PDB file of N, CA and C in Angstrom:
ATOM      1  N   MET A   1      11.362  -5.731   0.291  1.00  0.00           N
ATOM      2  CA  MET A   1      10.582  -4.650  -0.285  1.00  0.00           C
ATOM      3  C   MET A   1       9.419  -5.187  -1.101  1.00  0.00           C
ATOM      4  N   GLN A   2       9.586  -6.326  -1.745  1.00  0.00           N
ATOM      5  CA  GLN A   2       8.513  -6.902  -2.548  1.00  0.00           C
ATOM      6  C   GLN A   2       7.402  -7.443  -1.675  1.00  0.00           C
ATOM      7  N   ASN A   3       7.710  -7.900  -0.473  1.00  0.00           N
ATOM      8  CA  ASN A   3       6.710  -8.485   0.391  1.00  0.00           C
ATOM      9  C   ASN A   3       6.051  -7.460   1.300  1.00  0.00           C
ATOM     10  N   THR A   4       6.311  -6.202   1.112  1.00  0.00           N
ATOM     11  CA  THR A   4       5.738  -5.171   1.966  1.00  0.00           C
ATOM     12  C   THR A   4       4.263  -4.967   1.669  1.00  0.00           C
ATOM     13  N   LEU A   5       3.906  -4.816   0.421  1.00  0.00           N
ATOM     14  CA  LEU A   5       2.527  -4.597   0.009  1.00  0.00           C
ATOM     15  C   LEU A   5       1.900  -5.957  -0.286  1.00  0.00           C
ATOM     16  N   LEU A   6       1.020  -6.442   0.581  1.00  0.00           N
ATOM     17  CA  LEU A   6       0.497  -7.793   0.449  1.00  0.00           C
ATOM     18  C   LEU A   6      -0.686  -7.878  -0.505  1.00  0.00           C
ATOM     19  N   ARG A   7      -1.739  -7.082  -0.266  1.00  0.00           N
ATOM     20  CA  ARG A   7      -2.918  -7.150  -1.131  1.00  0.00           C
ATOM     21  C   ARG A   7      -3.787  -5.914  -0.890  1.00  0.00           C
ATOM     22  N   PRO A   8      -4.624  -5.559  -1.869  1.00  0.00           N
ATOM     23  CA  PRO A   8      -5.597  -4.491  -1.621  1.00  0.00           C
ATOM     24  C   PRO A   8      -6.774  -5.059  -0.829  1.00  0.00           C
ATOM     25  N   ILE A   9      -7.387  -4.234  -0.015  1.00  0.00           N
ATOM     26  CA  ILE A   9      -8.579  -4.632   0.723  1.00  0.00           C
ATOM     27  C   ILE A   9      -9.772  -4.071  -0.039  1.00  0.00           C
ATOM     28  N   ILE A  10     -10.528  -4.966  -0.682  1.00  0.00           N
ATOM     29  CA  ILE A  10     -11.641  -4.538  -1.522  1.00  0.00           C
ATOM     30  C   ILE A  10     -12.936  -4.970  -0.851  1.00  0.00           C
ATOM     31  N   THR A  11     -13.618  -3.998  -0.270  1.00  0.00           N
ATOM     32  CA  THR A  11     -14.913  -4.200   0.364  1.00  0.00           C
ATOM     33  C   THR A  11     -15.847  -3.096  -0.122  1.00  0.00           C
ATOM     34  N   GLU A  12     -17.110  -3.158   0.284  1.00  0.00           N
ATOM     35  CA  GLU A  12     -18.047  -2.112  -0.116  1.00  0.00           C
ATOM     36  C   GLU A  12     -17.609  -0.753   0.430  1.00  0.00           C
ATOM     37  N   LYS A  13     -17.152  -0.746   1.673  1.00  0.00           N
ATOM     38  CA  LYS A  13     -16.732   0.511   2.288  1.00  0.00           C
ATOM     39  C   LYS A  13     -15.474   1.068   1.619  1.00  0.00           C
ATOM     40  N   SER A  14     -14.498   0.200   1.318  1.00  0.00           N
ATOM     41  CA  SER A  14     -13.269   0.687   0.693  1.00  0.00           C
ATOM     42  C   SER A  14     -13.527   1.156  -0.742  1.00  0.00           C
ATOM     43  N   MET A  15     -14.465   0.545  -1.424  1.00  0.00           N
ATOM     44  CA  MET A  15     -14.796   0.994  -2.778  1.00  0.00           C
ATOM     45  C   MET A  15     -15.484   2.364  -2.735  1.00  0.00           C
ATOM     46  N   ALA A  16     -16.302   2.593  -1.709  1.00  0.00           N
ATOM     47  CA  ALA A  16     -16.937   3.901  -1.563  1.00  0.00           C
ATOM     48  C   ALA A  16     -15.893   4.971  -1.223  1.00  0.00           C
ATOM     49  N   ASP A  17     -14.921   4.625  -0.386  1.00  0.00           N
ATOM     50  CA  ASP A  17     -13.861   5.566  -0.022  1.00  0.00           C
ATOM     51  C   ASP A  17     -12.909   5.832  -1.186  1.00  0.00           C
ATOM     52  N   ALA A  18     -12.806   4.896  -2.110  1.00  0.00           N
ATOM     53  CA  ALA A  18     -11.886   5.056  -3.246  1.00  0.00           C
ATOM     54  C   ALA A  18     -12.303   6.233  -4.127  1.00  0.00           C
ATOM     55  N   GLY A  19     -13.586   6.546  -4.139  1.00  0.00           N
ATOM     56  CA  GLY A  19     -14.051   7.683  -4.916  1.00  0.00           C
ATOM     57  C   GLY A  19     -13.511   9.008  -4.405  1.00  0.00           C
ATOM     58  N   SER A  20     -13.182   9.062  -3.125  1.00  0.00           N
ATOM     59  CA  SER A  20     -12.650  10.296  -2.547  1.00  0.00           C
ATOM     60  C   SER A  20     -11.133  10.259  -2.393  1.00  0.00           C
ATOM     61  N   GLY A  21     -10.473   9.263  -2.987  1.00  0.00           N
ATOM     62  CA  GLY A  21      -9.008   9.210  -2.965  1.00  0.00           C
ATOM     63  C   GLY A  21      -8.423   8.533  -1.751  1.00  0.00           C
ATOM     64  N   LYS A  22      -9.167   7.633  -1.122  1.00  0.00           N
ATOM     65  CA  LYS A  22      -8.716   6.926   0.080  1.00  0.00           C
ATOM     66  C   LYS A  22      -8.727   5.426  -0.224  1.00  0.00           C
ATOM     67  N   TYR A  23      -7.563   4.768  -0.089  1.00  0.00           N
ATOM     68  CA  TYR A  23      -7.413   3.366  -0.472  1.00  0.00           C
ATOM     69  C   TYR A  23      -6.878   2.544   0.692  1.00  0.00           C
ATOM     70  N   LEU A  24      -7.307   1.269   0.787  1.00  0.00           N
ATOM     71  CA  LEU A  24      -6.881   0.391   1.870  1.00  0.00           C
ATOM     72  C   LEU A  24      -6.040  -0.753   1.319  1.00  0.00           C
ATOM     73  N   PHE A  25      -4.941  -1.066   2.013  1.00  0.00           N
ATOM     74  CA  PHE A  25      -4.058  -2.159   1.644  1.00  0.00           C
ATOM     75  C   PHE A  25      -3.662  -2.941   2.891  1.00  0.00           C
ATOM     76  N   ALA A  26      -3.478  -4.243   2.737  1.00  0.00           N
ATOM     77  CA  ALA A  26      -2.859  -5.062   3.771  1.00  0.00           C
ATOM     78  C   ALA A  26      -1.360  -5.026   3.516  1.00  0.00           C
ATOM     79  N   VAL A  27      -0.588  -4.714   4.555  1.00  0.00           N
ATOM     80  CA  VAL A  27       0.860  -4.593   4.423  1.00  0.00           C
ATOM     81  C   VAL A  27       1.530  -5.475   5.465  1.00  0.00           C
ATOM     82  N   SER A  28       2.831  -5.674   5.313  1.00  0.00           N
ATOM     83  CA  SER A  28       3.555  -6.481   6.295  1.00  0.00           C
ATOM     84  C   SER A  28       3.642  -5.717   7.615  1.00  0.00           C
ATOM     85  N   ARG A  29       3.730  -6.447   8.705  1.00  0.00           N
ATOM     86  CA  ARG A  29       3.710  -5.831  10.025  1.00  0.00           C
ATOM     87  C   ARG A  29       4.951  -4.987  10.299  1.00  0.00           C
ATOM     88  N   SER A  30       6.033  -5.247   9.606  1.00  0.00           N
ATOM     89  CA  SER A  30       7.263  -4.498   9.841  1.00  0.00           C
ATOM     90  C   SER A  30       7.383  -3.261   8.947  1.00  0.00           C
ATOM     91  N   ALA A  31       6.401  -3.000   8.088  1.00  0.00           N
ATOM     92  CA  ALA A  31       6.471  -1.879   7.151  1.00  0.00           C
ATOM     93  C   ALA A  31       6.233  -0.550   7.853  1.00  0.00           C
ATOM     94  N   SER A  32       7.055   0.441   7.537  1.00  0.00           N
ATOM     95  CA  SER A  32       6.886   1.785   8.082  1.00  0.00           C
ATOM     96  C   SER A  32       6.057   2.627   7.110  1.00  0.00           C
ATOM     97  N   LYS A  33       5.578   3.758   7.592  1.00  0.00           N
ATOM     98  CA  LYS A  33       4.756   4.621   6.745  1.00  0.00           C
ATOM     99  C   LYS A  33       5.539   5.177   5.562  1.00  0.00           C
ATOM    100  N   THR A  34       6.796   5.532   5.784  1.00  0.00           N
ATOM    101  CA  THR A  34       7.605   6.079   4.692  1.00  0.00           C
ATOM    102  C   THR A  34       7.876   5.025   3.620  1.00  0.00           C
ATOM    103  N   LEU A  35       8.108   3.784   4.037  1.00  0.00           N
ATOM    104  CA  LEU A  35       8.327   2.709   3.072  1.00  0.00           C
ATOM    105  C   LEU A  35       7.052   2.422   2.279  1.00  0.00           C
ATOM    106  N   ILE A  36       5.913   2.413   2.952  1.00  0.00           N
ATOM    107  CA  ILE A  36       4.633   2.182   2.277  1.00  0.00           C
ATOM    108  C   ILE A  36       4.383   3.289   1.257  1.00  0.00           C
ATOM    109  N   LYS A  37       4.636   4.531   1.649  1.00  0.00           N
ATOM    110  CA  LYS A  37       4.434   5.672   0.745  1.00  0.00           C
ATOM    111  C   LYS A  37       5.306   5.552  -0.494  1.00  0.00           C
ATOM    112  N   LYS A  38       6.568   5.174  -0.314  1.00  0.00           N
ATOM    113  CA  LYS A  38       7.499   5.040  -1.441  1.00  0.00           C
ATOM    114  C   LYS A  38       7.060   3.933  -2.392  1.00  0.00           C
ATOM    115  N   ILE A  39       6.627   2.805  -1.838  1.00  0.00           N
ATOM    116  CA  ILE A  39       6.220   1.677  -2.679  1.00  0.00           C
ATOM    117  C   ILE A  39       4.950   1.996  -3.463  1.00  0.00           C
ATOM    118  N   ILE A  40       3.981   2.645  -2.827  1.00  0.00           N
ATOM    119  CA  ILE A  40       2.741   3.018  -3.528  1.00  0.00           C
ATOM    120  C   ILE A  40       3.048   4.031  -4.628  1.00  0.00           C
ATOM    121  N   ASN A  41       3.902   5.000  -4.342  1.00  0.00           N
ATOM    122  CA  ASN A  41       4.289   5.986  -5.358  1.00  0.00           C
ATOM    123  C   ASN A  41       4.922   5.314  -6.567  1.00  0.00           C
ATOM    124  N   ASP A  42       5.836   4.383  -6.333  1.00  0.00           N
ATOM    125  CA  ASP A  42       6.554   3.728  -7.425  1.00  0.00           C
ATOM    126  C   ASP A  42       5.676   2.727  -8.178  1.00  0.00           C
ATOM    127  N   THR A  43       4.865   1.966  -7.451  1.00  0.00           N
ATOM    128  CA  THR A  43       4.080   0.905  -8.070  1.00  0.00           C
ATOM    129  C   THR A  43       2.922   1.439  -8.906  1.00  0.00           C
ATOM    130  N   PHE A  44       2.158   2.389  -8.355  1.00  0.00           N
ATOM    131  CA  PHE A  44       0.941   2.849  -9.025  1.00  0.00           C
ATOM    132  C   PHE A  44       1.077   4.210  -9.681  1.00  0.00           C
ATOM    133  N   ASN A  45       2.254   4.823  -9.609  1.00  0.00           N
ATOM    134  CA  ASN A  45       2.533   6.102 -10.251  1.00  0.00           C
ATOM    135  C   ASN A  45       1.531   7.188  -9.821  1.00  0.00           C
ATOM    136  N   VAL A  46       1.325   7.299  -8.505  1.00  0.00           N
ATOM    137  CA  VAL A  46       0.475   8.334  -7.924  1.00  0.00           C
ATOM    138  C   VAL A  46       1.282   9.079  -6.862  1.00  0.00           C
ATOM    139  N   HIS A  47       0.748  10.190  -6.377  1.00  0.00           N
ATOM    140  CA  HIS A  47       1.403  10.973  -5.335  1.00  0.00           C
ATOM    141  C   HIS A  47       0.630  10.786  -4.037  1.00  0.00           C
ATOM    142  N   VAL A  48       1.225  10.092  -3.082  1.00  0.00           N
ATOM    143  CA  VAL A  48       0.596   9.827  -1.791  1.00  0.00           C
ATOM    144  C   VAL A  48       0.741  11.062  -0.920  1.00  0.00           C
ATOM    145  N   THR A  49      -0.379  11.513  -0.343  1.00  0.00           N
ATOM    146  CA  THR A  49      -0.344  12.682   0.527  1.00  0.00           C
ATOM    147  C   THR A  49      -0.297  12.296   2.000  1.00  0.00           C
ATOM    148  N   GLN A  50      -0.909  11.174   2.357  1.00  0.00           N
ATOM    149  CA  GLN A  50      -0.963  10.780   3.767  1.00  0.00           C
ATOM    150  C   GLN A  50      -1.073   9.268   3.870  1.00  0.00           C
ATOM    151  N   VAL A  51      -0.476   8.705   4.938  1.00  0.00           N
ATOM    152  CA  VAL A  51      -0.547   7.269   5.220  1.00  0.00           C
ATOM    153  C   VAL A  51      -0.903   7.090   6.690  1.00  0.00           C
ATOM    154  N   ALA A  52      -1.900   6.248   6.950  1.00  0.00           N
ATOM    155  CA  ALA A  52      -2.255   5.884   8.319  1.00  0.00           C
ATOM    156  C   ALA A  52      -2.209   4.359   8.409  1.00  0.00           C
ATOM    157  N   THR A  53      -1.645   3.845   9.489  1.00  0.00           N
ATOM    158  CA  THR A  53      -1.564   2.397   9.654  1.00  0.00           C
ATOM    159  C   THR A  53      -2.215   1.978  10.962  1.00  0.00           C
ATOM    160  N   SER A  54      -2.673   0.731  11.000  1.00  0.00           N
ATOM    161  CA  SER A  54      -3.202   0.167  12.242  1.00  0.00           C
ATOM    162  C   SER A  54      -2.975  -1.340  12.220  1.00  0.00           C
ATOM    163  N   VAL A  55      -2.716  -1.877  13.394  1.00  0.00           N
ATOM    164  CA  VAL A  55      -2.514  -3.308  13.546  1.00  0.00           C
ATOM    165  C   VAL A  55      -3.857  -3.923  13.938  1.00  0.00           C
ATOM    166  N   VAL A  56      -4.276  -4.936  13.174  1.00  0.00           N
ATOM    167  CA  VAL A  56      -5.568  -5.578  13.390  1.00  0.00           C
ATOM    168  C   VAL A  56      -5.344  -6.896  14.114  1.00  0.00           C
ATOM    169  N   LYS A  57      -5.973  -7.038  15.262  1.00  0.00           N
ATOM    170  CA  LYS A  57      -5.849  -8.275  16.017  1.00  0.00           C
ATOM    171  C   LYS A  57      -6.633  -9.374  15.333  1.00  0.00           C
ATOM    172  N   GLY A  58      -6.152 -10.614  15.460  1.00  0.00           N
ATOM    173  CA  GLY A  58      -6.841 -11.748  14.872  1.00  0.00           C
ATOM    174  C   GLY A  58      -8.086 -12.098  15.658  1.00  0.00           C
ATOM    175  N   LYS A  59      -9.125 -12.510  14.943  1.00  0.00           N
ATOM    176  CA  LYS A  59     -10.370 -12.892  15.599  1.00  0.00           C
ATOM    177  C   LYS A  59     -10.254 -14.288  16.181  1.00  0.00           C
ATOM    178  N   ARG A  60     -10.985 -14.539  17.247  1.00  0.00           N
ATOM    179  CA  ARG A  60     -11.009 -15.861  17.860  1.00  0.00           C
ATOM    180  C   ARG A  60     -12.184 -16.646  17.288  1.00  0.00           C
ATOM    181  N   LYS A  61     -11.924 -17.897  16.940  1.00  0.00           N
ATOM    182  CA  LYS A  61     -12.947 -18.763  16.371  1.00  0.00           C
ATOM    183  C   LYS A  61     -12.943 -20.085  17.109  1.00  0.00           C
ATOM    184  N   ARG A  62     -14.086 -20.723  17.128  1.00  0.00           N
ATOM    185  CA  ARG A  62     -14.180 -22.067  17.687  1.00  0.00           C
ATOM    186  C   ARG A  62     -14.445 -23.022  16.532  1.00  0.00           C
ATOM    187  N   ILE A  63     -13.570 -24.017  16.383  1.00  0.00           N
ATOM    188  CA  ILE A  63     -13.694 -24.931  15.257  1.00  0.00           C
ATOM    189  C   ILE A  63     -13.637 -26.367  15.746  1.00  0.00           C
ATOM    190  N   GLY A  64     -14.101 -27.240  14.902  1.00  0.00           N
ATOM    191  CA  GLY A  64     -13.974 -28.668  15.171  1.00  0.00           C
ATOM    192  C   GLY A  64     -15.042 -29.202  16.104  1.00  0.00           C
ATOM    193  N   GLN A  65     -14.985 -30.514  16.289  1.00  0.00           N
ATOM    194  CA  GLN A  65     -15.967 -31.198  17.117  1.00  0.00           C
ATOM    195  C   GLN A  65     -15.783 -30.860  18.596  1.00  0.00           C
ATOM    196  N   ARG A  66     -14.563 -30.619  18.992  1.00  0.00           N
ATOM    197  CA  ARG A  66     -14.282 -30.291  20.396  1.00  0.00           C
ATOM    198  C   ARG A  66     -14.421 -28.795  20.682  1.00  0.00           C
ATOM    199  N   ARG A  67     -14.769 -28.004  19.646  1.00  0.00           N
ATOM    200  CA  ARG A  67     -14.946 -26.562  19.778  1.00  0.00           C
ATOM    201  C   ARG A  67     -13.684 -25.887  20.309  1.00  0.00           C
ATOM    202  N   GLN A  68     -12.577 -26.294  19.729  1.00  0.00           N
ATOM    203  CA  GLN A  68     -11.279 -25.753  20.118  1.00  0.00           C
ATOM    204  C   GLN A  68     -11.162 -24.311  19.634  1.00  0.00           C
ATOM    205  N   GLU A  69     -10.626 -23.421  20.478  1.00  0.00           N
ATOM    206  CA  GLU A  69     -10.515 -22.018  20.145  1.00  0.00           C
ATOM    207  C   GLU A  69      -9.213 -21.751  19.391  1.00  0.00           C
ATOM    208  N   VAL A  70      -9.332 -21.090  18.229  1.00  0.00           N
ATOM    209  CA  VAL A  70      -8.191 -20.774  17.373  1.00  0.00           C
ATOM    210  C   VAL A  70      -8.228 -19.277  17.084  1.00  0.00           C
ATOM    211  N   THR A  71      -7.058 -18.640  17.049  1.00  0.00           N
ATOM    212  CA  THR A  71      -6.962 -17.215  16.762  1.00  0.00           C
ATOM    213  C   THR A  71      -6.356 -16.996  15.384  1.00  0.00           C
ATOM    214  N   ASP A  72      -6.973 -16.114  14.607  1.00  0.00           N
ATOM    215  CA  ASP A  72      -6.421 -15.739  13.303  1.00  0.00           C
ATOM    216  C   ASP A  72      -5.137 -14.944  13.499  1.00  0.00           C
ATOM    217  N   ALA A  73      -4.381 -14.802  12.445  1.00  0.00           N
ATOM    218  CA  ALA A  73      -3.114 -14.090  12.507  1.00  0.00           C
ATOM    219  C   ALA A  73      -3.326 -12.579  12.678  1.00  0.00           C
ATOM    220  N   ILE A  74      -2.368 -11.929  13.303  1.00  0.00           N
ATOM    221  CA  ILE A  74      -2.369 -10.475  13.443  1.00  0.00           C
ATOM    222  C   ILE A  74      -1.820  -9.892  12.140  1.00  0.00           C
ATOM    223  N   TRP A  75      -2.460  -8.835  11.626  1.00  0.00           N
ATOM    224  CA  TRP A  75      -2.005  -8.228  10.383  1.00  0.00           C
ATOM    225  C   TRP A  75      -2.110  -6.703  10.486  1.00  0.00           C
ATOM    226  N   LYS A  76      -1.522  -6.026   9.513  1.00  0.00           N
ATOM    227  CA  LYS A  76      -1.467  -4.569   9.531  1.00  0.00           C
ATOM    228  C   LYS A  76      -2.145  -4.027   8.282  1.00  0.00           C
ATOM    229  N   LYS A  77      -2.953  -2.987   8.462  1.00  0.00           N
ATOM    230  CA  LYS A  77      -3.574  -2.360   7.294  1.00  0.00           C
ATOM    231  C   LYS A  77      -3.096  -0.925   7.179  1.00  0.00           C
ATOM    232  N   ALA A  78      -3.028  -0.459   5.944  1.00  0.00           N
ATOM    233  CA  ALA A  78      -2.591   0.907   5.661  1.00  0.00           C
ATOM    234  C   ALA A  78      -3.684   1.616   4.888  1.00  0.00           C
ATOM    235  N   ILE A  79      -4.009   2.825   5.332  1.00  0.00           N
ATOM    236  CA  ILE A  79      -4.965   3.667   4.635  1.00  0.00           C
ATOM    237  C   ILE A  79      -4.148   4.736   3.912  1.00  0.00           C
ATOM    238  N   ILE A  80      -4.335   4.806   2.604  1.00  0.00           N
ATOM    239  CA  ILE A  80      -3.527   5.673   1.748  1.00  0.00           C
ATOM    240  C   ILE A  80      -4.418   6.762   1.157  1.00  0.00           C
ATOM    241  N   TRP A  81      -3.994   8.021   1.267  1.00  0.00           N
ATOM    242  CA  TRP A  81      -4.669   9.128   0.605  1.00  0.00           C
ATOM    243  C   TRP A  81      -3.780   9.596  -0.538  1.00  0.00           C
ATOM    244  N   VAL A  82      -4.379   9.801  -1.716  1.00  0.00           N
ATOM    245  CA  VAL A  82      -3.632  10.301  -2.879  1.00  0.00           C
ATOM    246  C   VAL A  82      -4.151  11.684  -3.242  1.00  0.00           C
ATOM    247  N   ARG A  83      -3.399  12.378  -4.095  1.00  0.00           N
ATOM    248  CA  ARG A  83      -3.794  13.716  -4.541  1.00  0.00           C
ATOM    249  C   ARG A  83      -5.151  13.668  -5.234  1.00  0.00           C
ATOM    250  N   THR A  84      -5.870  14.769  -5.158  1.00  0.00           N
ATOM    251  CA  THR A  84      -7.170  14.831  -5.827  1.00  0.00           C
ATOM    252  C   THR A  84      -6.977  14.703  -7.333  1.00  0.00           C
ATOM    253  N   GLY A  85      -7.825  13.913  -7.951  1.00  0.00           N
ATOM    254  CA  GLY A  85      -7.734  13.677  -9.387  1.00  0.00           C
ATOM    255  C   GLY A  85      -6.946  12.436  -9.757  1.00  0.00           C
ATOM    256  N   GLU A  86      -6.173  11.875  -8.839  1.00  0.00           N
ATOM    257  CA  GLU A  86      -5.404  10.663  -9.124  1.00  0.00           C
ATOM    258  C   GLU A  86      -6.151   9.439  -8.595  1.00  0.00           C
ATOM    259  N   LYS A  87      -5.965   8.319  -9.287  1.00  0.00           N
ATOM    260  CA  LYS A  87      -6.665   7.091  -8.917  1.00  0.00           C
ATOM    261  C   LYS A  87      -5.712   5.904  -8.980  1.00  0.00           C
ATOM    262  N   ILE A  88      -6.041   4.863  -8.218  1.00  0.00           N
ATOM    263  CA  ILE A  88      -5.333   3.586  -8.288  1.00  0.00           C
ATOM    264  C   ILE A  88      -6.248   2.626  -9.033  1.00  0.00           C
ATOM    265  N   GLY A  89      -5.747   2.009 -10.100  1.00  0.00           N
ATOM    266  CA  GLY A  89      -6.559   1.199 -10.993  1.00  0.00           C
ATOM    267  C   GLY A  89      -7.177  -0.039 -10.362  1.00  0.00           C
ATOM    268  N   LEU A  90      -6.602  -0.567  -9.292  1.00  0.00           N
ATOM    269  CA  LEU A  90      -7.149  -1.769  -8.665  1.00  0.00           C
ATOM    270  C   LEU A  90      -8.532  -1.544  -8.078  1.00  0.00           C
ATOM    271  N   PHE A  91      -8.848  -0.306  -7.727  1.00  0.00           N
ATOM    272  CA  PHE A  91     -10.098  -0.001  -7.048  1.00  0.00           C
ATOM    273  C   PHE A  91     -11.160   0.557  -7.989  1.00  0.00           C
ATOM    274  N   GLU A  92     -10.936   0.440  -9.286  1.00  0.00           N
ATOM    275  CA  GLU A  92     -11.922   0.913 -10.250  1.00  0.00           C
ATOM    276  C   GLU A  92     -13.069  -0.079 -10.317  1.00  0.00           C
ATOM    277  N   SER A  93     -14.298   0.429 -10.324  1.00  0.00           N
ATOM    278  CA  SER A  93     -15.455  -0.453 -10.438  1.00  0.00           C
ATOM    279  C   SER A  93     -15.630  -0.881 -11.887  1.00  0.00           C
ATOM    280  N   GLY A  94     -16.544  -1.784 -12.134  1.00  0.00           N
ATOM    281  CA  GLY A  94     -16.734  -2.336 -13.480  1.00  0.00           C
ATOM    282  C   GLY A  94     -17.454  -1.394 -14.399  1.00  0.00           C
ATOM    283  N   GLY A  95     -16.946  -0.227 -14.590  1.00  0.00           N
ATOM    284  CA  GLY A  95     -17.574   0.788 -15.431  1.00  0.00           C
ATOM    285  C   GLY A  95     -17.554   0.432 -16.899  1.00  0.00           C
ATOM    286  N   GLU A  96     -16.564  -0.331 -17.342  1.00  0.00           N
ATOM    287  CA  GLU A  96     -16.470  -0.679 -18.754  1.00  0.00           C
ATOM    288  C   GLU A  96     -17.565  -1.666 -19.146  1.00  0.00           C
ATOM    289  N   GLU A  97     -17.997  -2.515 -18.227  1.00  0.00           N
ATOM    290  CA  GLU A  97     -19.084  -3.452 -18.523  1.00  0.00           C
ATOM    291  C   GLU A  97     -20.393  -2.698 -18.749  1.00  0.00           C
ATOM    292  N   GLU A  98     -20.605  -1.600 -18.016  1.00  0.00           N
ATOM    293  CA  GLU A  98     -21.816  -0.806 -18.176  1.00  0.00           C
ATOM    294  C   GLU A  98     -21.810  -0.085 -19.518  1.00  0.00           C
ATOM    295  N   LYS A  99     -20.632   0.323 -20.004  1.00  0.00           N
ATOM    296  CA  LYS A  99     -20.530   0.997 -21.281  1.00  0.00           C
ATOM    297  C   LYS A  99     -20.900   0.077 -22.448  1.00  0.00           C
ATOM    298  N   LYS A 100     -20.586  -1.227 -22.322  1.00  0.00           N
ATOM    299  CA  LYS A 100     -20.878  -2.180 -23.385  1.00  0.00           C
ATOM    300  C   LYS A 100     -22.371  -2.391 -23.559  1.00  0.00           C
ATOM    301  N   LYS A 101     -23.143  -2.290 -22.481  1.00  0.00           N
ATOM    302  CA  LYS A 101     -24.590  -2.504 -22.548  1.00  0.00           C
ATOM    303  C   LYS A 101     -25.225  -1.285 -23.096  1.00  0.00           C
TER     304      LYS A 101
END
């Protein structure tokens, strides 16, 4: 259960979506939607309304002097929607730094 929620995905697009209550997380490949919902509810003290998951294929890269082809690992991402008015603190922008200036 501890290894289910791996990390938040923080990009420009996910930060823009966070304003509307939509958050992205990398989760373990064996995690179900109900388990993800329960963990997010317990960890961040919010009410999850919807969970969508997708498996992301690893990208192929050519590395080294021989240009050997290597594939990144396959991983799973979860898109989480929370109730309106609720927020997850990990996705807050640096608003406090602007207040100091």
